[in-house]
Amino acid sequence: RKFFFQASNPGQFENDSDALWQRGHVPETVVYHGRVGINTDAPDEALVVCGNAKVMGRVMHPSDSRAKQNVREVDTNEQLRRIKQMRLVEYDYKPEFASVMGIKDT
């Protein structure tokens, strides 16, 4: 049996009493309104997995080519002009974030 998880806006609910698991509109789906943590009791995003995750199917992302249509070449000179207008930055991760995420080179 397959399950698909859909999370709402993580800041939508004030406390756990407002959270609720529900049967989804799509067959064999479950919806949870709130944050979900696996191996953590303090998820700070819609879904936080602390540890390895095994995926036996596909993971789709908006940048995935399988989610796009009407893909076409663009004028590279125009795109380079746009890139020159971009604000480029360097940054360091905050130490508290880096330590939680296991990042050594901040």
N, C-alpha and C. Protein backbone atom coordinates (compact mmCIF):
# COMPACT_ATOMS: atom_id res chain seq x y z
N ARG A 1 0.84 -1.17 0.00
CA ARG A 1 0.00 0.00 0.00
C ARG A 1 0.88 1.24 0.00
N LYS A 2 0.56 2.20 -0.86
CA LYS A 2 1.34 3.44 -0.97
C LYS A 2 0.69 4.54 -0.15
N PHE A 3 1.52 5.37 0.49
CA PHE A 3 1.03 6.54 1.20
C PHE A 3 1.77 7.76 0.69
N PHE A 4 1.07 8.85 0.49
CA PHE A 4 1.67 10.12 0.10
C PHE A 4 1.34 11.10 1.21
N PHE A 5 2.32 11.88 1.62
CA PHE A 5 2.13 12.83 2.70
C PHE A 5 2.12 14.23 2.15
N GLN A 6 1.16 15.01 2.60
CA GLN A 6 1.04 16.39 2.19
C GLN A 6 0.99 17.22 3.46
N ALA A 7 1.83 18.26 3.56
CA ALA A 7 1.86 19.08 4.76
C ALA A 7 1.36 20.48 4.43
N SER A 8 0.74 21.10 5.40
CA SER A 8 0.26 22.46 5.21
C SER A 8 1.37 23.45 5.50
N ASN A 9 1.03 24.71 5.46
CA ASN A 9 1.98 25.77 5.83
C ASN A 9 2.44 25.49 7.25
N PRO A 10 3.78 25.34 7.49
CA PRO A 10 4.26 24.94 8.80
C PRO A 10 3.88 25.91 9.92
N GLY A 11 3.66 27.18 9.63
CA GLY A 11 3.33 28.14 10.67
C GLY A 11 1.84 28.31 10.90
N GLN A 12 1.02 27.49 10.26
CA GLN A 12 -0.42 27.69 10.31
C GLN A 12 -1.03 27.39 11.68
N PHE A 13 -0.49 26.43 12.42
CA PHE A 13 -1.10 26.02 13.66
C PHE A 13 -0.25 26.41 14.85
N GLU A 14 -0.90 26.79 15.92
CA GLU A 14 -0.22 27.26 17.13
C GLU A 14 0.34 26.12 17.98
N ASN A 15 -0.42 25.02 18.09
CA ASN A 15 0.03 23.93 18.95
C ASN A 15 -0.42 22.59 18.40
N ASP A 16 0.05 21.53 19.04
CA ASP A 16 -0.23 20.18 18.55
C ASP A 16 -1.71 19.81 18.62
N SER A 17 -2.48 20.44 19.50
CA SER A 17 -3.89 20.08 19.60
C SER A 17 -4.65 20.47 18.34
N ASP A 18 -4.13 21.42 17.57
CA ASP A 18 -4.78 21.82 16.33
C ASP A 18 -4.42 20.89 15.17
N ALA A 19 -3.39 20.07 15.35
CA ALA A 19 -2.92 19.19 14.28
C ALA A 19 -3.82 17.97 14.19
N LEU A 20 -3.99 17.45 12.95
CA LEU A 20 -4.90 16.35 12.77
C LEU A 20 -4.52 15.56 11.51
N TRP A 21 -4.45 14.23 11.65
CA TRP A 21 -4.25 13.37 10.49
C TRP A 21 -5.61 13.16 9.85
N GLN A 22 -5.67 13.27 8.52
CA GLN A 22 -6.92 13.07 7.80
C GLN A 22 -6.68 12.23 6.55
N ARG A 23 -7.73 11.57 6.11
CA ARG A 23 -7.66 10.85 4.84
C ARG A 23 -7.64 11.90 3.74
N GLY A 24 -6.73 11.74 2.75
CA GLY A 24 -6.60 12.70 1.66
C GLY A 24 -7.69 12.58 0.63
N HIS A 25 -7.76 13.57 -0.25
CA HIS A 25 -8.75 13.55 -1.33
C HIS A 25 -8.38 12.54 -2.40
N VAL A 26 -7.09 12.30 -2.57
CA VAL A 26 -6.60 11.31 -3.53
C VAL A 26 -6.59 9.95 -2.83
N PRO A 27 -7.00 8.88 -3.51
CA PRO A 27 -7.02 7.57 -2.86
C PRO A 27 -5.66 7.19 -2.27
N GLU A 28 -5.68 6.53 -1.12
CA GLU A 28 -4.49 6.04 -0.42
C GLU A 28 -3.54 7.16 -0.02
N THR A 29 -4.08 8.31 0.40
CA THR A 29 -3.24 9.40 0.88
C THR A 29 -3.67 9.80 2.28
N VAL A 30 -2.73 10.37 3.02
CA VAL A 30 -2.98 10.87 4.36
C VAL A 30 -2.48 12.31 4.40
N VAL A 31 -3.23 13.19 5.04
CA VAL A 31 -2.85 14.60 5.15
C VAL A 31 -2.67 14.92 6.63
N TYR A 32 -1.59 15.60 6.95
CA TYR A 32 -1.33 16.04 8.32
C TYR A 32 -1.14 17.54 8.28
N HIS A 33 -1.93 18.27 9.04
CA HIS A 33 -1.84 19.73 9.08
C HIS A 33 -0.90 20.13 10.21
N GLY A 34 0.35 20.32 9.88
CA GLY A 34 1.35 20.68 10.87
C GLY A 34 2.71 20.17 10.43
N ARG A 35 3.63 20.12 11.36
CA ARG A 35 4.98 19.67 11.07
C ARG A 35 5.14 18.20 11.46
N VAL A 36 5.91 17.47 10.67
CA VAL A 36 6.15 16.05 10.93
C VAL A 36 7.64 15.87 11.17
N GLY A 37 7.99 15.20 12.27
CA GLY A 37 9.38 14.92 12.58
C GLY A 37 9.61 13.43 12.70
N ILE A 38 10.64 12.93 12.03
CA ILE A 38 11.03 11.53 12.14
C ILE A 38 12.39 11.52 12.83
N ASN A 39 12.47 10.86 13.98
CA ASN A 39 13.65 10.86 14.85
C ASN A 39 13.95 12.25 15.41
N THR A 40 12.94 13.09 15.51
CA THR A 40 13.08 14.39 16.17
C THR A 40 11.72 14.79 16.72
N ASP A 41 11.72 15.44 17.86
CA ASP A 41 10.45 15.93 18.41
C ASP A 41 10.34 17.43 18.24
N ALA A 42 11.25 18.03 17.45
CA ALA A 42 11.22 19.47 17.22
C ALA A 42 11.43 19.80 15.74
N PRO A 43 10.53 19.34 14.86
CA PRO A 43 10.70 19.67 13.44
C PRO A 43 10.49 21.16 13.22
N ASP A 44 11.38 21.77 12.43
CA ASP A 44 11.26 23.19 12.15
C ASP A 44 10.85 23.46 10.71
N GLU A 45 10.47 22.42 10.00
CA GLU A 45 9.95 22.51 8.63
C GLU A 45 8.75 21.57 8.54
N ALA A 46 8.08 21.57 7.38
CA ALA A 46 6.91 20.70 7.20
C ALA A 46 7.25 19.23 7.44
N LEU A 47 8.44 18.79 6.97
CA LEU A 47 8.91 17.43 7.19
C LEU A 47 10.39 17.47 7.49
N VAL A 48 10.79 16.89 8.62
CA VAL A 48 12.20 16.81 9.00
C VAL A 48 12.51 15.35 9.28
N VAL A 49 13.49 14.81 8.57
CA VAL A 49 13.94 13.44 8.77
C VAL A 49 15.36 13.50 9.30
N CYS A 50 15.56 13.06 10.53
CA CYS A 50 16.90 13.01 11.12
C CYS A 50 17.39 11.58 10.99
N GLY A 51 18.20 11.34 10.00
CA GLY A 51 18.69 10.01 9.70
C GLY A 51 18.57 9.75 8.21
N ASN A 52 18.84 8.54 7.82
CA ASN A 52 18.78 8.17 6.41
C ASN A 52 17.33 7.95 5.98
N ALA A 53 17.05 8.22 4.73
CA ALA A 53 15.73 7.96 4.16
C ALA A 53 15.91 7.09 2.93
N LYS A 54 15.12 6.06 2.81
CA LYS A 54 15.17 5.20 1.63
C LYS A 54 13.92 5.46 0.81
N VAL A 55 14.10 5.74 -0.46
CA VAL A 55 12.99 6.01 -1.36
C VAL A 55 12.96 4.90 -2.39
N MET A 56 11.86 4.18 -2.47
CA MET A 56 11.74 3.08 -3.41
C MET A 56 10.96 3.50 -4.66
N GLY A 57 10.67 4.77 -4.77
CA GLY A 57 9.94 5.29 -5.92
C GLY A 57 10.60 6.57 -6.40
N ARG A 58 9.80 7.47 -6.94
CA ARG A 58 10.31 8.72 -7.48
C ARG A 58 10.15 9.84 -6.46
N VAL A 59 11.04 10.79 -6.52
CA VAL A 59 10.91 12.03 -5.78
C VAL A 59 10.80 13.14 -6.82
N MET A 60 9.70 13.83 -6.82
CA MET A 60 9.49 14.89 -7.80
C MET A 60 9.77 16.24 -7.14
N HIS A 61 10.38 17.12 -7.88
CA HIS A 61 10.71 18.46 -7.42
C HIS A 61 10.33 19.42 -8.54
N PRO A 62 9.95 20.66 -8.23
CA PRO A 62 9.57 21.58 -9.31
C PRO A 62 10.65 21.77 -10.38
N SER A 63 11.92 21.53 -10.06
CA SER A 63 12.96 21.68 -11.07
C SER A 63 13.17 20.40 -11.88
N ASP A 64 12.45 19.34 -11.57
CA ASP A 64 12.57 18.07 -12.27
C ASP A 64 12.04 18.22 -13.70
N SER A 65 12.82 17.75 -14.69
CA SER A 65 12.40 17.88 -16.09
C SER A 65 11.10 17.13 -16.37
N ARG A 66 10.78 16.10 -15.57
CA ARG A 66 9.53 15.35 -15.79
C ARG A 66 8.30 16.17 -15.45
N ALA A 67 8.48 17.29 -14.75
CA ALA A 67 7.35 18.13 -14.36
C ALA A 67 7.15 19.31 -15.31
N LYS A 68 7.92 19.36 -16.40
CA LYS A 68 7.91 20.53 -17.29
C LYS A 68 7.43 20.16 -18.69
N GLN A 69 6.92 21.18 -19.37
CA GLN A 69 6.56 21.04 -20.77
C GLN A 69 6.93 22.33 -21.48
N ASN A 70 6.87 22.33 -22.78
CA ASN A 70 7.22 23.50 -23.60
C ASN A 70 8.63 24.01 -23.30
N VAL A 71 9.58 23.11 -23.11
CA VAL A 71 10.97 23.47 -22.86
C VAL A 71 11.58 23.90 -24.19
N ARG A 72 12.22 25.08 -24.20
CA ARG A 72 12.80 25.59 -25.44
C ARG A 72 14.09 26.36 -25.15
N GLU A 73 14.93 26.48 -26.15
CA GLU A 73 16.17 27.22 -26.04
C GLU A 73 15.87 28.71 -25.87
N VAL A 74 16.78 29.42 -25.21
CA VAL A 74 16.61 30.87 -25.01
C VAL A 74 17.81 31.60 -25.61
N ASP A 75 17.66 32.91 -25.75
CA ASP A 75 18.73 33.76 -26.25
C ASP A 75 19.78 33.89 -25.15
N THR A 76 20.94 33.28 -25.35
CA THR A 76 21.98 33.27 -24.31
C THR A 76 22.50 34.67 -24.01
N ASN A 77 22.57 35.54 -25.00
CA ASN A 77 23.03 36.91 -24.74
C ASN A 77 22.09 37.64 -23.79
N GLU A 78 20.80 37.45 -24.00
CA GLU A 78 19.81 38.07 -23.11
C GLU A 78 19.92 37.49 -21.70
N GLN A 79 20.14 36.19 -21.60
CA GLN A 79 20.25 35.56 -20.28
C GLN A 79 21.51 36.04 -19.55
N LEU A 80 22.63 36.19 -20.27
CA LEU A 80 23.86 36.71 -19.66
C LEU A 80 23.65 38.13 -19.16
N ARG A 81 22.90 38.94 -19.90
CA ARG A 81 22.59 40.31 -19.46
C ARG A 81 21.81 40.27 -18.14
N ARG A 82 20.86 39.35 -18.06
CA ARG A 82 20.08 39.21 -16.82
C ARG A 82 20.95 38.74 -15.66
N ILE A 83 21.85 37.81 -15.92
CA ILE A 83 22.73 37.29 -14.87
C ILE A 83 23.62 38.40 -14.33
N LYS A 84 24.09 39.28 -15.21
CA LYS A 84 24.94 40.40 -14.77
C LYS A 84 24.20 41.33 -13.82
N GLN A 85 22.89 41.34 -13.87
CA GLN A 85 22.09 42.19 -12.99
C GLN A 85 21.80 41.53 -11.65
N MET A 86 22.14 40.25 -11.52
CA MET A 86 21.85 39.53 -10.28
C MET A 86 22.78 39.97 -9.16
N ARG A 87 22.28 39.89 -7.94
CA ARG A 87 23.08 40.14 -6.74
C ARG A 87 23.67 38.81 -6.30
N LEU A 88 25.00 38.70 -6.32
CA LEU A 88 25.67 37.48 -5.91
C LEU A 88 26.25 37.68 -4.52
N VAL A 89 26.12 36.68 -3.66
CA VAL A 89 26.59 36.80 -2.28
C VAL A 89 27.36 35.56 -1.87
N GLU A 90 28.20 35.71 -0.86
CA GLU A 90 28.83 34.60 -0.16
C GLU A 90 28.28 34.64 1.25
N TYR A 91 28.29 33.51 1.93
CA TYR A 91 27.76 33.47 3.29
C TYR A 91 28.38 32.34 4.07
N ASP A 92 28.23 32.42 5.38
CA ASP A 92 28.58 31.34 6.30
C ASP A 92 27.31 30.91 7.00
N TYR A 93 27.17 29.61 7.25
CA TYR A 93 26.04 29.14 8.02
C TYR A 93 26.20 29.55 9.47
N LYS A 94 25.09 29.82 10.14
CA LYS A 94 25.12 30.09 11.57
C LYS A 94 25.59 28.82 12.27
N PRO A 95 26.46 28.95 13.29
CA PRO A 95 27.00 27.76 13.95
C PRO A 95 25.93 26.81 14.48
N GLU A 96 24.84 27.33 15.03
CA GLU A 96 23.80 26.46 15.58
C GLU A 96 23.12 25.65 14.49
N PHE A 97 22.96 26.22 13.29
CA PHE A 97 22.38 25.49 12.17
C PHE A 97 23.37 24.44 11.67
N ALA A 98 24.60 24.84 11.49
CA ALA A 98 25.63 23.94 10.97
C ALA A 98 25.79 22.71 11.87
N SER A 99 25.78 22.92 13.19
CA SER A 99 25.97 21.79 14.09
C SER A 99 24.80 20.82 14.05
N VAL A 100 23.58 21.33 13.96
CA VAL A 100 22.39 20.47 13.88
C VAL A 100 22.37 19.70 12.57
N MET A 101 22.81 20.32 11.47
CA MET A 101 22.76 19.71 10.16
C MET A 101 24.01 18.88 9.85
N GLY A 102 24.99 18.88 10.76
CA GLY A 102 26.20 18.09 10.55
C GLY A 102 27.12 18.71 9.51
N ILE A 103 27.06 20.03 9.34
CA ILE A 103 27.91 20.73 8.39
C ILE A 103 29.19 21.16 9.10
N LYS A 104 30.32 20.72 8.58
CA LYS A 104 31.59 21.06 9.24
C LYS A 104 32.19 22.32 8.65
N ASP A 105 32.18 22.47 7.32
CA ASP A 105 32.74 23.65 6.67
C ASP A 105 31.61 24.67 6.47
N THR A 106 31.53 25.65 7.36
CA THR A 106 30.43 26.60 7.29
C THR A 106 30.67 27.67 6.24
